[in-house]
Amino acid sequence: MKSKKIEDYLNNLRFKKTLFGGLNEEDVWKKIKKLDELYQKEIDCIQNEQEK
């Protein structure tokens, strides 16, 4: 399973930083949710191909 969309997303992934060098937790969760959505779409496509 290799999705160009997932690969591009991960290659361009950048997190917002906080004032004292950490990461913005809300931004991290949004990016994780987006990644989950991309993987779910990939899984759905694979399942649809297998059903044919």
PDB file of N, CA and C in Angstrom:
ATOM      1  N   MET A   1       0.857  -1.183   0.000  1.00  0.00           N
ATOM      2  CA  MET A   1       0.000   0.000   0.000  1.00  0.00           C
ATOM      3  C   MET A   1       0.889   1.227   0.000  1.00  0.00           C
ATOM      4  N   LYS A   2       0.890   1.941  -1.098  1.00  0.00           N
ATOM      5  CA  LYS A   2       1.692   3.149  -1.167  1.00  0.00           C
ATOM      6  C   LYS A   2       0.872   4.227  -1.858  1.00  0.00           C
ATOM      7  N   SER A   3       0.483   5.198  -1.100  1.00  0.00           N
ATOM      8  CA  SER A   3      -0.335   6.270  -1.627  1.00  0.00           C
ATOM      9  C   SER A   3       0.513   7.515  -1.813  1.00  0.00           C
ATOM     10  N   LYS A   4       0.458   8.073  -2.999  1.00  0.00           N
ATOM     11  CA  LYS A   4       1.207   9.302  -3.288  1.00  0.00           C
ATOM     12  C   LYS A   4       0.705  10.451  -2.407  1.00  0.00           C
ATOM     13  N   LYS A   5      -0.603  10.490  -2.149  1.00  0.00           N
ATOM     14  CA  LYS A   5      -1.153  11.564  -1.311  1.00  0.00           C
ATOM     15  C   LYS A   5      -0.596  11.483   0.110  1.00  0.00           C
ATOM     16  N   ILE A   6      -0.527  10.270   0.650  1.00  0.00           N
ATOM     17  CA  ILE A   6      -0.006  10.094   2.011  1.00  0.00           C
ATOM     18  C   ILE A   6       1.476  10.440   2.045  1.00  0.00           C
ATOM     19  N   GLU A   7       2.200   9.964   1.053  1.00  0.00           N
ATOM     20  CA  GLU A   7       3.635  10.247   0.980  1.00  0.00           C
ATOM     21  C   GLU A   7       3.889  11.749   0.895  1.00  0.00           C
ATOM     22  N   ASP A   8       3.161  12.445   0.038  1.00  0.00           N
ATOM     23  CA  ASP A   8       3.316  13.897  -0.088  1.00  0.00           C
ATOM     24  C   ASP A   8       2.955  14.610   1.216  1.00  0.00           C
ATOM     25  N   TYR A   9       1.869  14.150   1.837  1.00  0.00           N
ATOM     26  CA  TYR A   9       1.443  14.768   3.095  1.00  0.00           C
ATOM     27  C   TYR A   9       2.535  14.652   4.155  1.00  0.00           C
ATOM     28  N   LEU A  10       3.102  13.458   4.298  1.00  0.00           N
ATOM     29  CA  LEU A  10       4.139  13.242   5.310  1.00  0.00           C
ATOM     30  C   LEU A  10       5.423  13.990   4.976  1.00  0.00           C
ATOM     31  N   ASN A  11       5.768  14.065   3.695  1.00  0.00           N
ATOM     32  CA  ASN A  11       6.975  14.793   3.304  1.00  0.00           C
ATOM     33  C   ASN A  11       6.867  16.291   3.559  1.00  0.00           C
ATOM     34  N   ASN A  12       5.658  16.814   3.493  1.00  0.00           N
ATOM     35  CA  ASN A  12       5.458  18.258   3.672  1.00  0.00           C
ATOM     36  C   ASN A  12       4.916  18.630   5.047  1.00  0.00           C
ATOM     37  N   LEU A  13       4.848  17.667   5.932  1.00  0.00           N
ATOM     38  CA  LEU A  13       4.263  17.875   7.253  1.00  0.00           C
ATOM     39  C   LEU A  13       5.138  18.799   8.110  1.00  0.00           C
ATOM     40  N   ARG A  14       4.537  19.853   8.596  1.00  0.00           N
ATOM     41  CA  ARG A  14       5.213  20.793   9.487  1.00  0.00           C
ATOM     42  C   ARG A  14       4.252  21.119  10.628  1.00  0.00           C
ATOM     43  N   PHE A  15       4.780  21.153  11.833  1.00  0.00           N
ATOM     44  CA  PHE A  15       3.953  21.437  12.996  1.00  0.00           C
ATOM     45  C   PHE A  15       4.180  22.866  13.474  1.00  0.00           C
ATOM     46  N   LYS A  16       3.112  23.468  13.985  1.00  0.00           N
ATOM     47  CA  LYS A  16       3.240  24.775  14.614  1.00  0.00           C
ATOM     48  C   LYS A  16       3.986  24.600  15.927  1.00  0.00           C
ATOM     49  N   LYS A  17       4.836  25.536  16.228  1.00  0.00           N
ATOM     50  CA  LYS A  17       5.602  25.468  17.465  1.00  0.00           C
ATOM     51  C   LYS A  17       5.033  26.436  18.496  1.00  0.00           C
ATOM     52  N   THR A  18       5.306  26.122  19.752  1.00  0.00           N
ATOM     53  CA  THR A  18       4.878  27.011  20.828  1.00  0.00           C
ATOM     54  C   THR A  18       6.020  27.973  21.164  1.00  0.00           C
ATOM     55  N   LEU A  19       5.725  28.891  22.017  1.00  0.00           N
ATOM     56  CA  LEU A  19       6.674  29.941  22.371  1.00  0.00           C
ATOM     57  C   LEU A  19       7.962  29.384  22.970  1.00  0.00           C
ATOM     58  N   PHE A  20       7.872  28.300  23.721  1.00  0.00           N
ATOM     59  CA  PHE A  20       9.047  27.788  24.418  1.00  0.00           C
ATOM     60  C   PHE A  20       9.609  26.511  23.799  1.00  0.00           C
ATOM     61  N   GLY A  21       9.489  26.344  22.501  1.00  0.00           N
ATOM     62  CA  GLY A  21      10.151  25.252  21.803  1.00  0.00           C
ATOM     63  C   GLY A  21       9.388  23.951  21.674  1.00  0.00           C
ATOM     64  N   GLY A  22       8.195  23.865  22.203  1.00  0.00           N
ATOM     65  CA  GLY A  22       7.397  22.644  22.043  1.00  0.00           C
ATOM     66  C   GLY A  22       6.543  22.722  20.798  1.00  0.00           C
ATOM     67  N   LEU A  23       5.615  21.792  20.686  1.00  0.00           N
ATOM     68  CA  LEU A  23       4.693  21.778  19.557  1.00  0.00           C
ATOM     69  C   LEU A  23       3.294  22.150  20.022  1.00  0.00           C
ATOM     70  N   ASN A  24       2.551  22.801  19.153  1.00  0.00           N
ATOM     71  CA  ASN A  24       1.178  23.169  19.432  1.00  0.00           C
ATOM     72  C   ASN A  24       0.330  21.896  19.411  1.00  0.00           C
ATOM     73  N   GLU A  25      -0.188  21.509  20.559  1.00  0.00           N
ATOM     74  CA  GLU A  25      -0.905  20.243  20.695  1.00  0.00           C
ATOM     75  C   GLU A  25      -2.129  20.179  19.784  1.00  0.00           C
ATOM     76  N   GLU A  26      -2.872  21.252  19.671  1.00  0.00           N
ATOM     77  CA  GLU A  26      -4.059  21.274  18.813  1.00  0.00           C
ATOM     78  C   GLU A  26      -3.680  21.035  17.351  1.00  0.00           C
ATOM     79  N   ASP A  27      -2.584  21.641  16.913  1.00  0.00           N
ATOM     80  CA  ASP A  27      -2.112  21.466  15.551  1.00  0.00           C
ATOM     81  C   ASP A  27      -1.689  20.018  15.307  1.00  0.00           C
ATOM     82  N   VAL A  28      -1.012  19.418  16.277  1.00  0.00           N
ATOM     83  CA  VAL A  28      -0.586  18.022  16.154  1.00  0.00           C
ATOM     84  C   VAL A  28      -1.801  17.115  15.985  1.00  0.00           C
ATOM     85  N   TRP A  29      -2.832  17.312  16.796  1.00  0.00           N
ATOM     86  CA  TRP A  29      -4.032  16.466  16.708  1.00  0.00           C
ATOM     87  C   TRP A  29      -4.748  16.657  15.379  1.00  0.00           C
ATOM     88  N   LYS A  30      -4.771  17.884  14.851  1.00  0.00           N
ATOM     89  CA  LYS A  30      -5.398  18.127  13.547  1.00  0.00           C
ATOM     90  C   LYS A  30      -4.649  17.383  12.449  1.00  0.00           C
ATOM     91  N   LYS A  31      -3.327  17.387  12.522  1.00  0.00           N
ATOM     92  CA  LYS A  31      -2.518  16.713  11.506  1.00  0.00           C
ATOM     93  C   LYS A  31      -2.676  15.190  11.614  1.00  0.00           C
ATOM     94  N   ILE A  32      -2.776  14.663  12.828  1.00  0.00           N
ATOM     95  CA  ILE A  32      -3.001  13.230  13.018  1.00  0.00           C
ATOM     96  C   ILE A  32      -4.364  12.842  12.443  1.00  0.00           C
ATOM     97  N   LYS A  33      -5.373  13.667  12.679  1.00  0.00           N
ATOM     98  CA  LYS A  33      -6.714  13.390  12.150  1.00  0.00           C
ATOM     99  C   LYS A  33      -6.697  13.382  10.626  1.00  0.00           C
ATOM    100  N   LYS A  34      -5.999  14.330  10.016  1.00  0.00           N
ATOM    101  CA  LYS A  34      -5.897  14.394   8.556  1.00  0.00           C
ATOM    102  C   LYS A  34      -5.199  13.147   8.025  1.00  0.00           C
ATOM    103  N   LEU A  35      -4.126  12.711   8.686  1.00  0.00           N
ATOM    104  CA  LEU A  35      -3.415  11.505   8.273  1.00  0.00           C
ATOM    105  C   LEU A  35      -4.319  10.280   8.377  1.00  0.00           C
ATOM    106  N   ASP A  36      -5.099  10.206   9.445  1.00  0.00           N
ATOM    107  CA  ASP A  36      -6.054   9.112   9.617  1.00  0.00           C
ATOM    108  C   ASP A  36      -7.071   9.092   8.477  1.00  0.00           C
ATOM    109  N   GLU A  37      -7.548  10.258   8.080  1.00  0.00           N
ATOM    110  CA  GLU A  37      -8.507  10.344   6.980  1.00  0.00           C
ATOM    111  C   GLU A  37      -7.891   9.865   5.668  1.00  0.00           C
ATOM    112  N   LEU A  38      -6.641  10.240   5.418  1.00  0.00           N
ATOM    113  CA  LEU A  38      -5.966   9.804   4.202  1.00  0.00           C
ATOM    114  C   LEU A  38      -5.801   8.293   4.176  1.00  0.00           C
ATOM    115  N   TYR A  39      -5.409   7.711   5.311  1.00  0.00           N
ATOM    116  CA  TYR A  39      -5.264   6.247   5.381  1.00  0.00           C
ATOM    117  C   TYR A  39      -6.617   5.565   5.226  1.00  0.00           C
ATOM    118  N   GLN A  40      -7.663   6.117   5.803  1.00  0.00           N
ATOM    119  CA  GLN A  40      -8.992   5.508   5.683  1.00  0.00           C
ATOM    120  C   GLN A  40      -9.456   5.509   4.226  1.00  0.00           C
ATOM    121  N   LYS A  41      -9.189   6.592   3.506  1.00  0.00           N
ATOM    122  CA  LYS A  41      -9.543   6.633   2.086  1.00  0.00           C
ATOM    123  C   LYS A  41      -8.775   5.577   1.307  1.00  0.00           C
ATOM    124  N   GLU A  42      -7.497   5.412   1.640  1.00  0.00           N
ATOM    125  CA  GLU A  42      -6.677   4.395   0.981  1.00  0.00           C
ATOM    126  C   GLU A  42      -7.221   2.991   1.258  1.00  0.00           C
ATOM    127  N   ILE A  43      -7.589   2.735   2.496  1.00  0.00           N
ATOM    128  CA  ILE A  43      -8.154   1.439   2.872  1.00  0.00           C
ATOM    129  C   ILE A  43      -9.463   1.196   2.125  1.00  0.00           C
ATOM    130  N   ASP A  44     -10.310   2.218   2.044  1.00  0.00           N
ATOM    131  CA  ASP A  44     -11.577   2.087   1.322  1.00  0.00           C
ATOM    132  C   ASP A  44     -11.341   1.756  -0.145  1.00  0.00           C
ATOM    133  N   CYS A  45     -10.359   2.407  -0.765  1.00  0.00           N
ATOM    134  CA  CYS A  45     -10.047   2.137  -2.172  1.00  0.00           C
ATOM    135  C   CYS A  45      -9.582   0.700  -2.355  1.00  0.00           C
ATOM    136  N   ILE A  46      -8.738   0.226  -1.474  1.00  0.00           N
ATOM    137  CA  ILE A  46      -8.235  -1.145  -1.559  1.00  0.00           C
ATOM    138  C   ILE A  46      -9.382  -2.140  -1.393  1.00  0.00           C
ATOM    139  N   GLN A  47     -10.270  -1.886  -0.442  1.00  0.00           N
ATOM    140  CA  GLN A  47     -11.402  -2.776  -0.233  1.00  0.00           C
ATOM    141  C   GLN A  47     -12.319  -2.791  -1.444  1.00  0.00           C
ATOM    142  N   ASN A  48     -12.529  -1.628  -2.043  1.00  0.00           N
ATOM    143  CA  ASN A  48     -13.382  -1.564  -3.239  1.00  0.00           C
ATOM    144  C   ASN A  48     -12.764  -2.331  -4.406  1.00  0.00           C
ATOM    145  N   GLU A  49     -11.443  -2.268  -4.547  1.00  0.00           N
ATOM    146  CA  GLU A  49     -10.763  -3.009  -5.601  1.00  0.00           C
ATOM    147  C   GLU A  49     -10.884  -4.511  -5.386  1.00  0.00           C
ATOM    148  N   GLN A  50     -10.805  -4.931  -4.140  1.00  0.00           N
ATOM    149  CA  GLN A  50     -10.881  -6.363  -3.820  1.00  0.00           C
ATOM    150  C   GLN A  50     -12.285  -6.915  -4.053  1.00  0.00           C
ATOM    151  N   GLU A  51     -13.286  -6.065  -3.913  1.00  0.00           N
ATOM    152  CA  GLU A  51     -14.661  -6.513  -4.095  1.00  0.00           C
ATOM    153  C   GLU A  51     -15.015  -6.715  -5.578  1.00  0.00           C
ATOM    154  N   LYS A  52     -14.245  -6.123  -6.445  1.00  0.00           N
ATOM    155  CA  LYS A  52     -14.544  -6.226  -7.889  1.00  0.00           C
ATOM    156  C   LYS A  52     -14.158  -7.563  -8.443  1.00  0.00           C
TER     157      LYS A  52
END
